[in-house]
Each structure stands twice: as structure tokens, then as C-alpha cells.
C-alpha atoms as a PDB file:
ATOM      1  CA  MET A   1      -1.616 -16.980  -7.731  1.00  0.00           C
ATOM      2  CA  ASN A   2       1.996 -16.827  -7.799  1.00  0.00           C
ATOM      3  CA  PHE A   3       3.968 -14.103  -5.858  1.00  0.00           C
ATOM      4  CA  GLU A   4       7.177 -15.278  -6.007  1.00  0.00           C
ATOM      5  CA  ASN A   5      10.395 -13.155  -5.841  1.00  0.00           C
ATOM      6  CA  LYS A   6       7.613 -10.402  -4.782  1.00  0.00           C
ATOM      7  CA  THR A   7       7.842  -8.687  -1.440  1.00  0.00           C
ATOM      8  CA  ALA A   8       4.948  -7.313   0.226  1.00  0.00           C
ATOM      9  CA  ILE A   9       4.498  -4.985   3.551  1.00  0.00           C
ATOM     10  CA  VAL A  10       1.572  -5.832   5.414  1.00  0.00           C
ATOM     11  CA  THR A  11       0.813  -3.468   8.097  1.00  0.00           C
ATOM     12  CA  GLY A  12      -1.028  -4.541  11.447  1.00  0.00           C
ATOM     13  CA  GLY A  13       0.819  -7.835  10.195  1.00  0.00           C
ATOM     14  CA  SER A  14       0.892  -9.531  13.257  1.00  0.00           C
ATOM     15  CA  ARG A  15      -2.546 -10.913  13.914  1.00  0.00           C
ATOM     16  CA  GLY A  16      -6.020 -10.915  12.497  1.00  0.00           C
ATOM     17  CA  ILE A  17      -6.933  -9.606   9.272  1.00  0.00           C
ATOM     18  CA  GLY A  18      -3.498  -8.428   9.151  1.00  0.00           C
ATOM     19  CA  LEU A  19      -1.655 -12.259   9.720  1.00  0.00           C
ATOM     20  CA  ALA A  20      -4.635 -14.072   7.338  1.00  0.00           C
ATOM     21  CA  ILE A  21      -3.376 -11.823   4.249  1.00  0.00           C
ATOM     22  CA  ALA A  22       0.456 -12.280   5.339  1.00  0.00           C
ATOM     23  CA  LYS A  23      -0.142 -15.811   5.028  1.00  0.00           C
ATOM     24  CA  LYS A  24      -1.820 -16.036   2.384  1.00  0.00           C
ATOM     25  CA  LEU A  25       0.951 -14.331   0.195  1.00  0.00           C
ATOM     26  CA  ALA A  26       3.337 -16.227   1.748  1.00  0.00           C
ATOM     27  CA  GLN A  27       2.259 -19.246   0.475  1.00  0.00           C
ATOM     28  CA  GLY A  28       2.384 -17.629  -2.700  1.00  0.00           C
ATOM     29  CA  GLY A  29       5.583 -17.191  -2.343  1.00  0.00           C
ATOM     30  CA  ALA A  30       6.123 -13.531  -1.020  1.00  0.00           C
ATOM     31  CA  ASN A  31       9.005 -12.080   0.945  1.00  0.00           C
ATOM     32  CA  ILE A  32       6.850 -10.407   4.211  1.00  0.00           C
ATOM     33  CA  ALA A  33       7.758  -7.367   6.012  1.00  0.00           C
ATOM     34  CA  VAL A  34       5.109  -7.442   8.899  1.00  0.00           C
ATOM     35  CA  LEU A  35       5.098  -4.428  10.384  1.00  0.00           C
ATOM     36  CA  TYR A  36       3.239  -3.845  14.115  1.00  0.00           C
ATOM     37  CA  VAL A  37       2.810  -1.886  17.129  1.00  0.00           C
ATOM     38  CA  GLY A  38       2.497  -3.400  20.793  1.00  0.00           C
ATOM     39  CA  ASP A  39       4.635  -6.197  22.028  1.00  0.00           C
ATOM     40  CA  GLU A  40       7.415  -7.279  20.273  1.00  0.00           C
ATOM     41  CA  SER A  41       6.470 -11.275  20.969  1.00  0.00           C
ATOM     42  CA  GLU A  42       3.411 -10.547  18.679  1.00  0.00           C
ATOM     43  CA  GLY A  43       5.807  -9.729  15.753  1.00  0.00           C
ATOM     44  CA  LEU A  44       7.963 -12.586  16.747  1.00  0.00           C
ATOM     45  CA  ASN A  45       5.423 -15.209  16.581  1.00  0.00           C
ATOM     46  CA  ALA A  46       3.856 -13.696  13.640  1.00  0.00           C
ATOM     47  CA  LYS A  47       7.251 -14.262  11.711  1.00  0.00           C
ATOM     48  CA  LYS A  48       8.059 -17.842  13.030  1.00  0.00           C
ATOM     49  CA  GLU A  49       3.946 -18.748  11.947  1.00  0.00           C
ATOM     50  CA  LEU A  50       5.079 -16.773   8.491  1.00  0.00           C
ATOM     51  CA  GLU A  51       8.408 -18.614   8.398  1.00  0.00           C
ATOM     52  CA  GLN A  52       6.859 -22.007   7.539  1.00  0.00           C
ATOM     53  CA  TYR A  53       6.628 -20.805   3.839  1.00  0.00           C
ATOM     54  CA  GLY A  54       9.774 -20.815   3.339  1.00  0.00           C
ATOM     55  CA  THR A  55       9.988 -17.139   2.285  1.00  0.00           C
ATOM     56  CA  LYS A  56      12.012 -14.213   3.515  1.00  0.00           C
ATOM     57  CA  VAL A  57      10.157 -13.074   6.856  1.00  0.00           C
ATOM     58  CA  GLU A  58      10.943  -9.735   8.894  1.00  0.00           C
ATOM     59  CA  GLN A  59       9.304  -8.315  11.887  1.00  0.00           C
ATOM     60  CA  TYR A  60       9.665  -3.663  12.407  1.00  0.00           C
ATOM     61  CA  PHE A  61       7.731  -2.153  15.247  1.00  0.00           C
ATOM     62  CA  CYS A  62       6.262   1.079  13.245  1.00  0.00           C
ATOM     63  CA  ASP A  63       3.450   3.474  14.488  1.00  0.00           C
ATOM     64  CA  ILE A  64       2.019   4.510  11.001  1.00  0.00           C
ATOM     65  CA  SER A  65       0.888   7.471  12.262  1.00  0.00           C
ATOM     66  CA  ASP A  66       4.226   8.995  13.051  1.00  0.00           C
ATOM     67  CA  PHE A  67       5.199  10.559   9.215  1.00  0.00           C
ATOM     68  CA  GLU A  68       9.282  10.369   9.521  1.00  0.00           C
ATOM     69  CA  GLY A  69       8.987   7.080  11.772  1.00  0.00           C
ATOM     70  CA  SER A  70       6.730   4.984   9.405  1.00  0.00           C
ATOM     71  CA  LYS A  71       9.293   6.555   6.253  1.00  0.00           C
ATOM     72  CA  ALA A  72      12.301   5.351   8.547  1.00  0.00           C
ATOM     73  CA  VAL A  73      10.988   1.737   8.743  1.00  0.00           C
ATOM     74  CA  VAL A  74       9.775   1.404   4.353  1.00  0.00           C
ATOM     75  CA  GLU A  75      13.276   2.880   3.507  1.00  0.00           C
ATOM     76  CA  LYS A  76      15.263  -0.087   5.660  1.00  0.00           C
ATOM     77  CA  VAL A  77      12.446  -2.754   4.325  1.00  0.00           C
ATOM     78  CA  ILE A  78      13.148  -1.628   0.690  1.00  0.00           C
ATOM     79  CA  ASP A  79      17.097  -1.555   1.597  1.00  0.00           C
ATOM     80  CA  GLU A  80      17.244  -5.024   3.324  1.00  0.00           C
ATOM     81  CA  PHE A  81      14.987  -6.783   1.108  1.00  0.00           C
ATOM     82  CA  GLY A  82      15.914  -5.284  -2.020  1.00  0.00           C
ATOM     83  CA  GLY A  83      12.441  -3.406  -3.088  1.00  0.00           C
ATOM     84  CA  LEU A  84       9.029  -3.801  -3.013  1.00  0.00           C
ATOM     85  CA  ASP A  85       5.959  -4.718  -5.042  1.00  0.00           C
ATOM     86  CA  ILE A  86       2.893  -4.940  -2.514  1.00  0.00           C
ATOM     87  CA  LEU A  87       1.872  -2.355  -0.166  1.00  0.00           C
ATOM     88  CA  VAL A  88      -1.144  -3.620   2.126  1.00  0.00           C
ATOM     89  CA  ASN A  89      -2.409  -1.320   4.525  1.00  0.00           C
ATOM     90  CA  ASN A  90      -4.476  -2.920   7.309  1.00  0.00           C
ATOM     91  CA  ALA A  91      -3.386  -1.634  10.568  1.00  0.00           C
ATOM     92  CA  GLY A  92      -6.312   0.066  12.183  1.00  0.00           C
ATOM     93  CA  ILE A  93      -7.489   1.204  15.615  1.00  0.00           C
ATOM     94  CA  THR A  94     -10.871   1.807  16.825  1.00  0.00           C
ATOM     95  CA  ARG A  95     -12.418   4.023  19.806  1.00  0.00           C
ATOM     96  CA  ASP A  96     -16.332   3.969  19.632  1.00  0.00           C
ATOM     97  CA  LYS A  97     -18.510   6.589  21.156  1.00  0.00           C
ATOM     98  CA  LEU A  98     -21.284   8.639  20.829  1.00  0.00           C
ATOM     99  CA  ILE A  99     -20.312  11.598  19.344  1.00  0.00           C
ATOM    100  CA  LEU A 100     -21.923  13.414  22.460  1.00  0.00           C
ATOM    101  CA  ASN A 101     -19.295  11.622  24.391  1.00  0.00           C
ATOM    102  CA  MET A 102     -16.445  11.626  22.126  1.00  0.00           C
ATOM    103  CA  ASP A 103     -14.067  13.760  22.981  1.00  0.00           C
ATOM    104  CA  GLU A 104     -11.116  14.971  20.269  1.00  0.00           C
ATOM    105  CA  LYS A 105      -8.392  12.789  21.155  1.00  0.00           C
ATOM    106  CA  ASP A 106     -10.964   9.847  20.317  1.00  0.00           C
ATOM    107  CA  PHE A 107     -11.315  11.320  16.953  1.00  0.00           C
ATOM    108  CA  ASP A 108      -7.806  12.360  16.196  1.00  0.00           C
ATOM    109  CA  ALA A 109      -6.284   8.780  17.361  1.00  0.00           C
ATOM    110  CA  VAL A 110      -8.663   7.083  14.842  1.00  0.00           C
ATOM    111  CA  ILE A 111      -8.308   9.259  11.840  1.00  0.00           C
ATOM    112  CA  ASN A 112      -4.236   9.510  12.761  1.00  0.00           C
ATOM    113  CA  VAL A 113      -3.503   5.848  12.760  1.00  0.00           C
ATOM    114  CA  ASN A 114      -6.450   4.307  10.104  1.00  0.00           C
ATOM    115  CA  LEU A 115      -6.212   7.653   7.720  1.00  0.00           C
ATOM    116  CA  LYS A 116      -3.488   9.645   7.768  1.00  0.00           C
ATOM    117  CA  GLY A 117      -1.266   6.159   8.489  1.00  0.00           C
ATOM    118  CA  THR A 118      -2.338   4.653   5.239  1.00  0.00           C
ATOM    119  CA  PHE A 119      -1.258   8.076   3.285  1.00  0.00           C
ATOM    120  CA  ASN A 120       1.913   7.923   5.538  1.00  0.00           C
ATOM    121  CA  MET A 121       2.614   4.120   3.907  1.00  0.00           C
ATOM    122  CA  ILE A 122       1.062   4.909   0.777  1.00  0.00           C
ATOM    123  CA  LYS A 123       3.348   8.258   0.468  1.00  0.00           C
ATOM    124  CA  HIS A 124       6.517   6.240   1.474  1.00  0.00           C
ATOM    125  CA  THR A 125       6.012   3.803  -1.311  1.00  0.00           C
ATOM    126  CA  TYR A 126       4.959   6.217  -3.863  1.00  0.00           C
ATOM    127  CA  LYS A 127       8.043   6.981  -5.538  1.00  0.00           C
ATOM    128  CA  HIS A 128       9.864   3.773  -5.850  1.00  0.00           C
ATOM    129  CA  PHE A 129       6.488   2.364  -7.446  1.00  0.00           C
ATOM    130  CA  MET A 130       6.321   5.131  -9.746  1.00  0.00           C
ATOM    131  CA  LYS A 131      10.029   4.130 -10.704  1.00  0.00           C
ATOM    132  CA  LYS A 132       9.529   0.816 -11.043  1.00  0.00           C
ATOM    133  CA  ARG A 133       6.847   0.680 -12.770  1.00  0.00           C
ATOM    134  CA  TYR A 134       5.145  -1.484 -10.915  1.00  0.00           C
ATOM    135  CA  GLY A 135       3.432  -2.472  -7.850  1.00  0.00           C
ATOM    136  CA  ARG A 136      -0.307  -2.958  -5.699  1.00  0.00           C
ATOM    137  CA  ILE A 137      -1.505  -1.217  -3.163  1.00  0.00           C
ATOM    138  CA  VAL A 138      -4.617  -1.986  -0.999  1.00  0.00           C
ATOM    139  CA  SER A 139      -6.263  -0.613   1.738  1.00  0.00           C
ATOM    140  CA  THR A 140      -8.503  -2.111   4.365  1.00  0.00           C
ATOM    141  CA  SER A 141     -11.630   0.316   4.413  1.00  0.00           C
ATOM    142  CA  SER A 142     -14.950  -1.022   5.971  1.00  0.00           C
ATOM    143  CA  ILE A 143     -18.714  -1.436   5.073  1.00  0.00           C
ATOM    144  CA  ILE A 144     -18.910   1.227   7.917  1.00  0.00           C
ATOM    145  CA  GLY A 145     -17.403   3.757   6.090  1.00  0.00           C
ATOM    146  CA  LEU A 146     -19.679   3.149   3.164  1.00  0.00           C
ATOM    147  CA  VAL A 147     -22.882   2.898   5.485  1.00  0.00           C
ATOM    148  CA  GLY A 148     -22.210   4.596   8.575  1.00  0.00           C
ATOM    149  CA  ASN A 149     -22.906   3.034  12.217  1.00  0.00           C
ATOM    150  CA  ALA A 150     -23.812   4.729  15.113  1.00  0.00           C
ATOM    151  CA  GLY A 151     -21.242   5.298  17.686  1.00  0.00           C
ATOM    152  CA  GLN A 152     -18.554   5.347  14.903  1.00  0.00           C
ATOM    153  CA  ALA A 153     -18.116   8.361  13.339  1.00  0.00           C
ATOM    154  CA  ASN A 154     -14.121   8.990  13.290  1.00  0.00           C
ATOM    155  CA  TYR A 155     -14.407   5.334  12.486  1.00  0.00           C
ATOM    156  CA  ALA A 156     -16.435   5.838   9.809  1.00  0.00           C
ATOM    157  CA  ALA A 157     -14.643   9.125   8.383  1.00  0.00           C
ATOM    158  CA  SER A 158     -11.727   7.132   8.338  1.00  0.00           C
ATOM    159  CA  LYS A 159     -12.181   4.340   6.896  1.00  0.00           C
ATOM    160  CA  ALA A 160     -14.177   6.292   4.034  1.00  0.00           C
ATOM    161  CA  GLY A 161     -11.144   8.415   3.895  1.00  0.00           C
ATOM    162  CA  ILE A 162      -9.700   5.588   2.374  1.00  0.00           C
ATOM    163  CA  ILE A 163     -11.738   4.802  -0.155  1.00  0.00           C
ATOM    164  CA  GLY A 164     -11.924   8.804  -1.620  1.00  0.00           C
ATOM    165  CA  LEU A 165      -7.805   8.020  -1.245  1.00  0.00           C
ATOM    166  CA  THR A 166      -7.943   5.284  -2.714  1.00  0.00           C
ATOM    167  CA  LYS A 167      -9.293   6.372  -5.580  1.00  0.00           C
ATOM    168  CA  CYS A 168      -7.109   9.274  -6.161  1.00  0.00           C
ATOM    169  CA  VAL A 169      -3.649   7.584  -6.008  1.00  0.00           C
ATOM    170  CA  ALA A 170      -5.485   4.701  -8.507  1.00  0.00           C
ATOM    171  CA  LYS A 171      -5.606   7.654 -11.318  1.00  0.00           C
ATOM    172  CA  GLU A 172      -2.809   9.378 -10.337  1.00  0.00           C
ATOM    173  CA  LEU A 173      -0.465   5.826 -10.841  1.00  0.00           C
ATOM    174  CA  ALA A 174      -2.552   3.718 -13.035  1.00  0.00           C
ATOM    175  CA  GLY A 175      -0.299   4.678 -15.852  1.00  0.00           C
ATOM    176  CA  ARG A 176       2.391   3.336 -14.117  1.00  0.00           C
ATOM    177  CA  GLY A 177       1.764  -0.321 -13.789  1.00  0.00           C
ATOM    178  CA  VAL A 178       0.649   0.326 -10.163  1.00  0.00           C
ATOM    179  CA  THR A 179      -2.951  -0.506  -8.708  1.00  0.00           C
ATOM    180  CA  ALA A 180      -4.679   1.126  -6.205  1.00  0.00           C
ATOM    181  CA  ASN A 181      -7.714  -0.934  -4.470  1.00  0.00           C
ATOM    182  CA  ALA A 182      -9.495  -1.403  -0.920  1.00  0.00           C
ATOM    183  CA  VAL A 183     -11.266  -3.976   0.436  1.00  0.00           C
ATOM    184  CA  ALA A 184     -14.516  -3.133   2.531  1.00  0.00           C
ATOM    185  CA  PRO A 185     -14.979  -6.138   5.333  1.00  0.00           C
ATOM    186  CA  GLY A 186     -18.033  -6.354   7.028  1.00  0.00           C
ATOM    187  CA  TYR A 187     -18.436  -8.311  10.357  1.00  0.00           C
ATOM    188  CA  ILE A 188     -15.162 -10.740  10.810  1.00  0.00           C
ATOM    189  CA  GLY A 189     -14.253 -12.498  13.195  1.00  0.00           C
ATOM    190  CA  THR A 190     -11.150 -11.023  15.090  1.00  0.00           C
ATOM    191  CA  ASP A 191     -10.061 -10.868  18.360  1.00  0.00           C
ATOM    192  CA  MET A 192     -12.758  -7.383  18.297  1.00  0.00           C
ATOM    193  CA  THR A 193     -15.660  -9.546  17.581  1.00  0.00           C
ATOM    194  CA  ASN A 194     -14.757 -13.090  19.840  1.00  0.00           C
ATOM    195  CA  VAL A 195     -15.185 -11.596  23.019  1.00  0.00           C
ATOM    196  CA  LEU A 196     -18.715 -10.399  22.279  1.00  0.00           C
ATOM    197  CA  SER A 197     -21.698 -12.596  23.806  1.00  0.00           C
ATOM    198  CA  ASP A 198     -23.570 -15.466  21.455  1.00  0.00           C
ATOM    199  CA  LYS A 199     -26.641 -13.249  21.845  1.00  0.00           C
ATOM    200  CA  VAL A 200     -24.528 -10.146  20.469  1.00  0.00           C
ATOM    201  CA  LYS A 201     -22.946 -12.970  17.582  1.00  0.00           C
ATOM    202  CA  ASP A 202     -26.497 -14.468  17.003  1.00  0.00           C
ATOM    203  CA  ALA A 203     -27.917 -10.955  16.031  1.00  0.00           C
ATOM    204  CA  MET A 204     -25.299 -10.298  13.616  1.00  0.00           C
ATOM    205  CA  LYS A 205     -25.501 -13.371  11.930  1.00  0.00           C
ATOM    206  CA  ALA A 206     -29.259 -12.521  11.596  1.00  0.00           C
ATOM    207  CA  GLN A 207     -28.251  -9.179   9.582  1.00  0.00           C
ATOM    208  CA  ILE A 208     -25.708 -11.216   7.082  1.00  0.00           C
ATOM    209  CA  PRO A 209     -27.627 -12.829   4.308  1.00  0.00           C
ATOM    210  CA  ALA A 210     -24.643 -15.116   4.292  1.00  0.00           C
ATOM    211  CA  LYS A 211     -25.662 -16.176   7.865  1.00  0.00           C
ATOM    212  CA  ARG A 212     -22.679 -16.132   9.206  1.00  0.00           C
ATOM    213  CA  ILE A 213     -19.795 -14.183  10.240  1.00  0.00           C
ATOM    214  CA  GLY A 214     -16.819 -13.883   7.975  1.00  0.00           C
ATOM    215  CA  THR A 215     -13.481 -14.803   8.535  1.00  0.00           C
ATOM    216  CA  PRO A 216      -9.643 -13.470   8.373  1.00  0.00           C
ATOM    217  CA  GLU A 217      -9.194 -15.681   5.293  1.00  0.00           C
ATOM    218  CA  ASP A 218     -12.657 -14.352   3.614  1.00  0.00           C
ATOM    219  CA  VAL A 219     -10.670 -11.050   3.655  1.00  0.00           C
ATOM    220  CA  ALA A 220      -7.076 -12.499   2.802  1.00  0.00           C
ATOM    221  CA  ASP A 221      -8.440 -14.093  -0.798  1.00  0.00           C
ATOM    222  CA  VAL A 222      -9.948 -10.964  -1.658  1.00  0.00           C
ATOM    223  CA  VAL A 223      -6.956  -9.051  -0.997  1.00  0.00           C
ATOM    224  CA  ALA A 224      -4.576 -11.405  -1.967  1.00  0.00           C
ATOM    225  CA  PHE A 225      -6.709 -11.568  -5.548  1.00  0.00           C
ATOM    226  CA  LEU A 226      -5.903  -7.723  -5.723  1.00  0.00           C
ATOM    227  CA  CYS A 227      -2.679  -8.184  -5.053  1.00  0.00           C
ATOM    228  CA  SER A 228      -1.690 -10.505  -7.895  1.00  0.00           C
ATOM    229  CA  ASP A 229      -1.289 -10.161 -11.144  1.00  0.00           C
ATOM    230  CA  GLU A 230      -4.376 -11.732 -12.988  1.00  0.00           C
ATOM    231  CA  ALA A 231      -5.600  -8.101 -11.086  1.00  0.00           C
ATOM    232  CA  ALA A 232      -3.787  -6.329 -13.031  1.00  0.00           C
ATOM    233  CA  TYR A 233      -6.540  -3.882 -14.765  1.00  0.00           C
ATOM    234  CA  VAL A 234      -8.642  -3.634 -11.456  1.00  0.00           C
ATOM    235  CA  THR A 235      -7.541  -0.263 -10.055  1.00  0.00           C
ATOM    236  CA  GLY A 236      -9.803   2.268  -7.930  1.00  0.00           C
ATOM    237  CA  GLU A 237     -12.233  -0.259  -6.645  1.00  0.00           C
ATOM    238  CA  VAL A 238     -13.821  -1.327  -3.062  1.00  0.00           C
ATOM    239  CA  ILE A 239     -14.935  -4.839  -2.516  1.00  0.00           C
ATOM    240  CA  ARG A 240     -16.812  -5.225  -0.055  1.00  0.00           C
ATOM    241  CA  VAL A 241     -16.246  -8.508   2.233  1.00  0.00           C
ATOM    242  CA  ASP A 242     -19.376  -9.050   4.454  1.00  0.00           C
ATOM    243  CA  GLY A 243     -21.492 -12.084   3.354  1.00  0.00           C
ATOM    244  CA  GLY A 244     -23.899  -9.476   1.408  1.00  0.00           C
ATOM    245  CA  LEU A 245     -24.664  -7.288   4.664  1.00  0.00           C
ATOM    246  CA  ALA A 246     -24.347  -3.990   2.769  1.00  0.00           C
ATOM    247  CA  MET A 247     -25.935  -4.579  -0.034  1.00  0.00           C
END
């Protein structure tokens, strides 16, 4: 897949699935704007890792739940890169608790980052894609948004909301040459799952028809396809990347 002369924003792009997606796009020739929160060293390390592919890479601190702050970052990216072609909404958080123990802050924090943050990024790139009559929007949902999970009501609601948001955006922008799709990963080997015991990991694998935990690259491969010109006639879709777990 060829992404030469294309520019992509990847939120949560400094590690895990986001970094794998940024790498895949950069390998195809895309210029990358990595949006991250947290320690600046993460953003700098991601930039250094991505620059090996020979494309333009910049990192930007961005709290995507902040409407005005994220707008300013998007405008800066478009100005510094001379445009935008791809938006990958990957940033997300968890605050897992049973509803019995979940307070309002736990619920609001997850909704504000995962769902409102995705809306903010789409909102701020919407007019640019419309005027350009081209764009690829890919957002990271989860199989939890499809099937639910005890102790993850806030996360499930946010990821289900991303699916509804994606379908609305797809219908609004299809006539402008802009596609909007979502991926729904299952159990993926990231920092979040790497800390689990071997016993827990084995129990996870036993539930997966493919008999393995997925990798960030498994997700990145699907996202790259949805960002490509080869996927021009694919929009409004939610593609599970879960080894068959949610069949």
C-alpha cells in the first residue's frame, strides 16, 4: 500500500497499537503527526523510531478530550504539514470497575477521552476533508463495544459510541470521497495485557479460536488497508481484529 505524499494524524501514536499503526503508514511513505499525552520522552522516542522510514515525523502533546486544545493541534498539523489525508483515532483509556463501584468520575473520564475525544478529532478535520474531497478516518473501537464485558460499562459504552459515530460520519461524508471505518480489536498484546500472569493469558488464549493473543501489528495491518486507496469503496464498516473471539 502506497501512502507517499499523504499525511496522517495518529492519536495515541507513541506506543502500543498506535505506534504500530504509525509505523505501518510510515513504511508506506506517509508523513506522520504523532499525538500523545504523558511523558514527552514517549513522543520523542516514537518520533525517532518513525524517522527511520525517511518521512516527515512530528510529535504533538494533545489531550484529545479538550475541544479547543485538540482544535489548535489539528490546525497546527495542517499548517506544518501542508494538509491532512488520514485521521486515525486510536487514543483511549480504561477505568474498569463494576457499576456498583464505578463513580461518576470513572465514567466521565473514559467517555471524555474515548468517545468525545474521537468526536473532537473528527469535528476538527471534517471541513478540511470535505473541501479536499478526500480523506480516510479510522477509529479504534473494541469487541467490548460489540458484546460488552462485566466491569467495563464505561469502556463498552465509549467503544459502542465510536461505532455509532463512525456510521454517521460515513453517511455524511461518503459523497465527498471521505471514508470512515472502525476496527474492533480483541485481546491484543500491549502494555495493558503484558502485565497479566501467564495463567490469565492462557485463559484468554483458550477463548480465542485462533489460539493466540493478537499483536499490535495485526491491528495495524487492517487499519493501513482502511487508510489506503484500495479501500476507497469501504465505508461505515466495523472490522473485528480478534482471532474469531466475538463470532
